[in-house]
């Protein structure tokens, strides 16, 4: 279960780091950077949720 949390957390950290660097280089593109960042965060969270659902299906007792 730990692996399904660490992967998306690293992706979210990388997205945040890249967006802050991009804003530092080009502050006038804040809208486009924010939109791309939110889309990437949604995909990262979706991967985490799907991984947890698969984990619960594989190892859940029902």
PDB file of N, CA and C in Angstrom:
ATOM      1  N   UNK A   1       0.824  -1.191   0.000  1.00  0.00           N
ATOM      2  CA  UNK A   1       0.000   0.000   0.000  1.00  0.00           C
ATOM      3  C   UNK A   1       0.868   1.255   0.000  1.00  0.00           C
ATOM      4  N   UNK A   2       2.025   1.144   0.593  1.00  0.00           N
ATOM      5  CA  UNK A   2       2.933   2.288   0.661  1.00  0.00           C
ATOM      6  C   UNK A   2       3.391   2.728  -0.721  1.00  0.00           C
ATOM      7  N   UNK A   3       3.598   1.769  -1.614  1.00  0.00           N
ATOM      8  CA  UNK A   3       4.080   2.077  -2.966  1.00  0.00           C
ATOM      9  C   UNK A   3       3.024   2.849  -3.750  1.00  0.00           C
ATOM     10  N   UNK A   4       1.751   2.540  -3.524  1.00  0.00           N
ATOM     11  CA  UNK A   4       0.694   3.243  -4.256  1.00  0.00           C
ATOM     12  C   UNK A   4       0.551   4.690  -3.807  1.00  0.00           C
ATOM     13  N   UNK A   5       1.088   5.025  -2.667  1.00  0.00           N
ATOM     14  CA  UNK A   5       1.031   6.408  -2.188  1.00  0.00           C
ATOM     15  C   UNK A   5       2.300   7.167  -2.563  1.00  0.00           C
ATOM     16  N   UNK A   6       3.444   6.515  -2.502  1.00  0.00           N
ATOM     17  CA  UNK A   6       4.726   7.186  -2.755  1.00  0.00           C
ATOM     18  C   UNK A   6       4.866   7.621  -4.202  1.00  0.00           C
ATOM     19  N   UNK A   7       4.393   6.819  -5.152  1.00  0.00           N
ATOM     20  CA  UNK A   7       4.517   7.154  -6.571  1.00  0.00           C
ATOM     21  C   UNK A   7       3.811   8.446  -6.941  1.00  0.00           C
ATOM     22  N   UNK A   8       2.500   8.548  -6.693  1.00  0.00           N
ATOM     23  CA  UNK A   8       1.807   9.802  -7.008  1.00  0.00           C
ATOM     24  C   UNK A   8       2.306  10.995  -6.191  1.00  0.00           C
ATOM     25  N   UNK A   9       2.779  10.747  -4.981  1.00  0.00           N
ATOM     26  CA  UNK A   9       3.325  11.853  -4.183  1.00  0.00           C
ATOM     27  C   UNK A   9       4.569  12.433  -4.837  1.00  0.00           C
ATOM     28  N   UNK A  10       5.408  11.580  -5.379  1.00  0.00           N
ATOM     29  CA  UNK A  10       6.598  12.058  -6.085  1.00  0.00           C
ATOM     30  C   UNK A  10       6.214  12.820  -7.342  1.00  0.00           C
ATOM     31  N   UNK A  11       5.187  12.344  -8.033  1.00  0.00           N
ATOM     32  CA  UNK A  11       4.727  13.037  -9.240  1.00  0.00           C
ATOM     33  C   UNK A  11       4.166  14.409  -8.889  1.00  0.00           C
ATOM     34  N   UNK A  12       3.394  14.500  -7.819  1.00  0.00           N
ATOM     35  CA  UNK A  12       2.822  15.779  -7.400  1.00  0.00           C
ATOM     36  C   UNK A  12       3.931  16.746  -6.999  1.00  0.00           C
ATOM     37  N   UNK A  13       4.955  16.254  -6.316  1.00  0.00           N
ATOM     38  CA  UNK A  13       6.083  17.114  -5.954  1.00  0.00           C
ATOM     39  C   UNK A  13       6.812  17.614  -7.193  1.00  0.00           C
ATOM     40  N   UNK A  14       7.007  16.750  -8.170  1.00  0.00           N
ATOM     41  CA  UNK A  14       7.678  17.158  -9.411  1.00  0.00           C
ATOM     42  C   UNK A  14       6.848  18.177 -10.181  1.00  0.00           C
ATOM     43  N   UNK A  15       5.534  18.001 -10.198  1.00  0.00           N
ATOM     44  CA  UNK A  15       4.654  18.956 -10.877  1.00  0.00           C
ATOM     45  C   UNK A  15       4.735  20.316 -10.200  1.00  0.00           C
ATOM     46  N   UNK A  16       4.695  20.329  -8.887  1.00  0.00           N
ATOM     47  CA  UNK A  16       4.793  21.593  -8.160  1.00  0.00           C
ATOM     48  C   UNK A  16       6.121  22.290  -8.392  1.00  0.00           C
ATOM     49  N   UNK A  17       7.195  21.532  -8.362  1.00  0.00           N
ATOM     50  CA  UNK A  17       8.525  22.103  -8.591  1.00  0.00           C
ATOM     51  C   UNK A  17       8.636  22.688  -9.993  1.00  0.00           C
ATOM     52  N   UNK A  18       8.148  21.942 -10.985  1.00  0.00           N
ATOM     53  CA  UNK A  18       8.235  22.412 -12.373  1.00  0.00           C
ATOM     54  C   UNK A  18       7.367  23.640 -12.604  1.00  0.00           C
ATOM     55  N   UNK A  19       6.199  23.675 -11.984  1.00  0.00           N
ATOM     56  CA  UNK A  19       5.326  24.835 -12.193  1.00  0.00           C
ATOM     57  C   UNK A  19       5.891  26.088 -11.527  1.00  0.00           C
ATOM     58  N   UNK A  20       6.497  25.953 -10.373  1.00  0.00           N
ATOM     59  CA  UNK A  20       7.112  27.115  -9.717  1.00  0.00           C
ATOM     60  C   UNK A  20       8.288  27.631 -10.540  1.00  0.00           C
ATOM     61  N   UNK A  21       9.086  26.723 -11.082  1.00  0.00           N
ATOM     62  CA  UNK A  21      10.198  27.156 -11.944  1.00  0.00           C
ATOM     63  C   UNK A  21       9.689  27.845 -13.200  1.00  0.00           C
ATOM     64  N   UNK A  22       8.616  27.310 -13.788  1.00  0.00           N
ATOM     65  CA  UNK A  22       8.056  27.919 -14.998  1.00  0.00           C
ATOM     66  C   UNK A  22       7.480  29.297 -14.694  1.00  0.00           C
ATOM     67  N   UNK A  23       6.844  29.448 -13.555  1.00  0.00           N
ATOM     68  CA  UNK A  23       6.321  30.762 -13.172  1.00  0.00           C
ATOM     69  C   UNK A  23       7.448  31.752 -12.915  1.00  0.00           C
ATOM     70  N   UNK A  24       8.554  31.273 -12.392  1.00  0.00           N
ATOM     71  CA  UNK A  24       9.702  32.148 -12.175  1.00  0.00           C
ATOM     72  C   UNK A  24      10.304  32.644 -13.479  1.00  0.00           C
ATOM     73  N   UNK A  25      10.276  31.808 -14.497  1.00  0.00           N
ATOM     74  CA  UNK A  25      10.831  32.204 -15.795  1.00  0.00           C
ATOM     75  C   UNK A  25       9.876  33.073 -16.593  1.00  0.00           C
ATOM     76  N   UNK A  26       8.570  32.793 -16.501  1.00  0.00           N
ATOM     77  CA  UNK A  26       7.600  33.511 -17.322  1.00  0.00           C
ATOM     78  C   UNK A  26       6.320  33.760 -16.515  1.00  0.00           C
ATOM     79  N   UNK A  27       6.299  34.803 -15.703  1.00  0.00           N
ATOM     80  CA  UNK A  27       5.124  35.066 -14.866  1.00  0.00           C
ATOM     81  C   UNK A  27       3.867  35.418 -15.658  1.00  0.00           C
ATOM     82  N   UNK A  28       4.019  35.899 -16.873  1.00  0.00           N
ATOM     83  CA  UNK A  28       2.836  36.286 -17.646  1.00  0.00           C
ATOM     84  C   UNK A  28       2.050  35.078 -18.154  1.00  0.00           C
ATOM     85  N   UNK A  29       2.622  33.896 -18.097  1.00  0.00           N
ATOM     86  CA  UNK A  29       1.936  32.684 -18.554  1.00  0.00           C
ATOM     87  C   UNK A  29       1.311  31.917 -17.392  1.00  0.00           C
ATOM     88  N   UNK A  30       0.952  32.627 -16.340  1.00  0.00           N
ATOM     89  CA  UNK A  30       0.441  31.971 -15.139  1.00  0.00           C
ATOM     90  C   UNK A  30      -0.832  31.177 -15.406  1.00  0.00           C
ATOM     91  N   UNK A  31      -1.711  31.686 -16.232  1.00  0.00           N
ATOM     92  CA  UNK A  31      -2.961  30.983 -16.516  1.00  0.00           C
ATOM     93  C   UNK A  31      -2.747  29.650 -17.201  1.00  0.00           C
ATOM     94  N   UNK A  32      -1.885  29.642 -18.205  1.00  0.00           N
ATOM     95  CA  UNK A  32      -1.607  28.396 -18.928  1.00  0.00           C
ATOM     96  C   UNK A  32      -0.867  27.399 -18.039  1.00  0.00           C
ATOM     97  N   UNK A  33       0.051  27.900 -17.230  1.00  0.00           N
ATOM     98  CA  UNK A  33       0.810  27.019 -16.341  1.00  0.00           C
ATOM     99  C   UNK A  33      -0.118  26.408 -15.296  1.00  0.00           C
ATOM    100  N   UNK A  34      -1.019  27.221 -14.748  1.00  0.00           N
ATOM    101  CA  UNK A  34      -1.960  26.718 -13.749  1.00  0.00           C
ATOM    102  C   UNK A  34      -2.874  25.656 -14.348  1.00  0.00           C
ATOM    103  N   UNK A  35      -3.361  25.898 -15.548  1.00  0.00           N
ATOM    104  CA  UNK A  35      -4.240  24.932 -16.200  1.00  0.00           C
ATOM    105  C   UNK A  35      -3.516  23.604 -16.449  1.00  0.00           C
ATOM    106  N   UNK A  36      -2.308  23.668 -16.955  1.00  0.00           N
ATOM    107  CA  UNK A  36      -1.539  22.445 -17.197  1.00  0.00           C
ATOM    108  C   UNK A  36      -1.221  21.728 -15.889  1.00  0.00           C
ATOM    109  N   UNK A  37      -0.934  22.489 -14.836  1.00  0.00           N
ATOM    110  CA  UNK A  37      -0.616  21.896 -13.548  1.00  0.00           C
ATOM    111  C   UNK A  37      -1.832  21.178 -12.975  1.00  0.00           C
ATOM    112  N   UNK A  38      -2.998  21.775 -13.065  1.00  0.00           N
ATOM    113  CA  UNK A  38      -4.202  21.154 -12.522  1.00  0.00           C
ATOM    114  C   UNK A  38      -4.542  19.874 -13.283  1.00  0.00           C
ATOM    115  N   UNK A  39      -4.412  19.893 -14.596  1.00  0.00           N
ATOM    116  CA  UNK A  39      -4.683  18.687 -15.386  1.00  0.00           C
ATOM    117  C   UNK A  39      -3.712  17.573 -15.001  1.00  0.00           C
ATOM    118  N   UNK A  40      -2.443  17.902 -14.842  1.00  0.00           N
ATOM    119  CA  UNK A  40      -1.453  16.894 -14.452  1.00  0.00           C
ATOM    120  C   UNK A  40      -1.735  16.355 -13.050  1.00  0.00           C
ATOM    121  N   UNK A  41      -2.157  17.220 -12.135  1.00  0.00           N
ATOM    122  CA  UNK A  41      -2.484  16.769 -10.786  1.00  0.00           C
ATOM    123  C   UNK A  41      -3.690  15.835 -10.788  1.00  0.00           C
ATOM    124  N   UNK A  42      -4.678  16.137 -11.610  1.00  0.00           N
ATOM    125  CA  UNK A  42      -5.856  15.266 -11.698  1.00  0.00           C
ATOM    126  C   UNK A  42      -5.458  13.882 -12.204  1.00  0.00           C
ATOM    127  N   UNK A  43      -4.608  13.827 -13.218  1.00  0.00           N
ATOM    128  CA  UNK A  43      -4.164  12.529 -13.725  1.00  0.00           C
ATOM    129  C   UNK A  43      -3.343  11.775 -12.685  1.00  0.00           C
ATOM    130  N   UNK A  44      -2.502  12.470 -11.941  1.00  0.00           N
ATOM    131  CA  UNK A  44      -1.699  11.809 -10.908  1.00  0.00           C
ATOM    132  C   UNK A  44      -2.595  11.240  -9.807  1.00  0.00           C
ATOM    133  N   UNK A  45      -3.601  11.994  -9.401  1.00  0.00           N
ATOM    134  CA  UNK A  45      -4.513  11.507  -8.371  1.00  0.00           C
ATOM    135  C   UNK A  45      -5.367  10.357  -8.885  1.00  0.00           C
ATOM    136  N   UNK A  46      -5.748  10.414 -10.150  1.00  0.00           N
ATOM    137  CA  UNK A  46      -6.539   9.319 -10.723  1.00  0.00           C
ATOM    138  C   UNK A  46      -5.740   8.022 -10.724  1.00  0.00           C
ATOM    139  N   UNK A  47      -4.467   8.114 -11.037  1.00  0.00           N
ATOM    140  CA  UNK A  47      -3.614   6.923 -11.006  1.00  0.00           C
ATOM    141  C   UNK A  47      -3.530   6.368  -9.586  1.00  0.00           C
ATOM    142  N   UNK A  48      -3.440   7.249  -8.593  1.00  0.00           N
ATOM    143  CA  UNK A  48      -3.372   6.799  -7.206  1.00  0.00           C
ATOM    144  C   UNK A  48      -4.664   6.104  -6.791  1.00  0.00           C
ATOM    145  N   UNK A  49      -5.798   6.658  -7.166  1.00  0.00           N
ATOM    146  CA  UNK A  49      -7.084   6.058  -6.803  1.00  0.00           C
ATOM    147  C   UNK A  49      -7.257   4.705  -7.487  1.00  0.00           C
ATOM    148  N   UNK A  50      -6.910   4.625  -8.753  1.00  0.00           N
ATOM    149  CA  UNK A  50      -7.024   3.353  -9.472  1.00  0.00           C
ATOM    150  C   UNK A  50      -6.101   2.303  -8.853  1.00  0.00           C
ATOM    151  N   UNK A  51      -4.898   2.703  -8.489  1.00  0.00           N
ATOM    152  CA  UNK A  51      -3.968   1.762  -7.856  1.00  0.00           C
ATOM    153  C   UNK A  51      -4.514   1.265  -6.521  1.00  0.00           C
ATOM    154  N   UNK A  52      -5.118   2.146  -5.745  1.00  0.00           N
ATOM    155  CA  UNK A  52      -5.692   1.713  -4.472  1.00  0.00           C
ATOM    156  C   UNK A  52      -6.883   0.784  -4.685  1.00  0.00           C
ATOM    157  N   UNK A  53      -7.713   1.067  -5.681  1.00  0.00           N
ATOM    158  CA  UNK A  53      -8.841   0.180  -5.969  1.00  0.00           C
ATOM    159  C   UNK A  53      -8.364  -1.207  -6.387  1.00  0.00           C
ATOM    160  N   UNK A  54      -7.341  -1.257  -7.211  1.00  0.00           N
ATOM    161  CA  UNK A  54      -6.785  -2.550  -7.619  1.00  0.00           C
ATOM    162  C   UNK A  54      -6.191  -3.277  -6.419  1.00  0.00           C
ATOM    163  N   UNK A  55      -5.502  -2.542  -5.560  1.00  0.00           N
ATOM    164  CA  UNK A  55      -4.916  -3.143  -4.363  1.00  0.00           C
ATOM    165  C   UNK A  55      -5.989  -3.739  -3.467  1.00  0.00           C
ATOM    166  N   UNK A  56      -7.072  -3.009  -3.263  1.00  0.00           N
ATOM    167  CA  UNK A  56      -8.148  -3.523  -2.418  1.00  0.00           C
ATOM    168  C   UNK A  56      -8.846  -4.721  -3.061  1.00  0.00           C
ATOM    169  N   UNK A  57      -8.955  -4.732  -4.380  1.00  0.00           N
ATOM    170  CA  UNK A  57      -9.556  -5.877  -5.059  1.00  0.00           C
ATOM    171  C   UNK A  57      -8.668  -7.121  -4.945  1.00  0.00           C
ATOM    172  N   UNK A  58      -7.365  -6.928  -5.048  1.00  0.00           N
ATOM    173  CA  UNK A  58      -6.455  -8.068  -4.992  1.00  0.00           C
ATOM    174  C   UNK A  58      -6.323  -8.648  -3.590  1.00  0.00           C
ATOM    175  N   UNK A  59      -6.212  -7.779  -2.595  1.00  0.00           N
ATOM    176  CA  UNK A  59      -5.907  -8.242  -1.247  1.00  0.00           C
ATOM    177  C   UNK A  59      -7.056  -8.092  -0.261  1.00  0.00           C
ATOM    178  N   UNK A  60      -8.201  -7.631  -0.736  1.00  0.00           N
ATOM    179  CA  UNK A  60      -9.344  -7.472   0.160  1.00  0.00           C
ATOM    180  C   UNK A  60      -9.990  -8.807   0.479  1.00  0.00           C
ATOM    181  N   UNK A  61     -10.551  -8.864   1.635  1.00  0.00           N
ATOM    182  CA  UNK A  61     -11.264 -10.079   2.040  1.00  0.00           C
ATOM    183  C   UNK A  61     -12.751  -9.775   1.966  1.00  0.00           C
ATOM    184  N   UNK A  62     -13.447 -10.532   1.187  1.00  0.00           N
ATOM    185  CA  UNK A  62     -14.853 -10.223   1.003  1.00  0.00           C
ATOM    186  C   UNK A  62     -15.726 -11.340   1.028  1.00  0.00           C
TER     187      UNK A  62
END
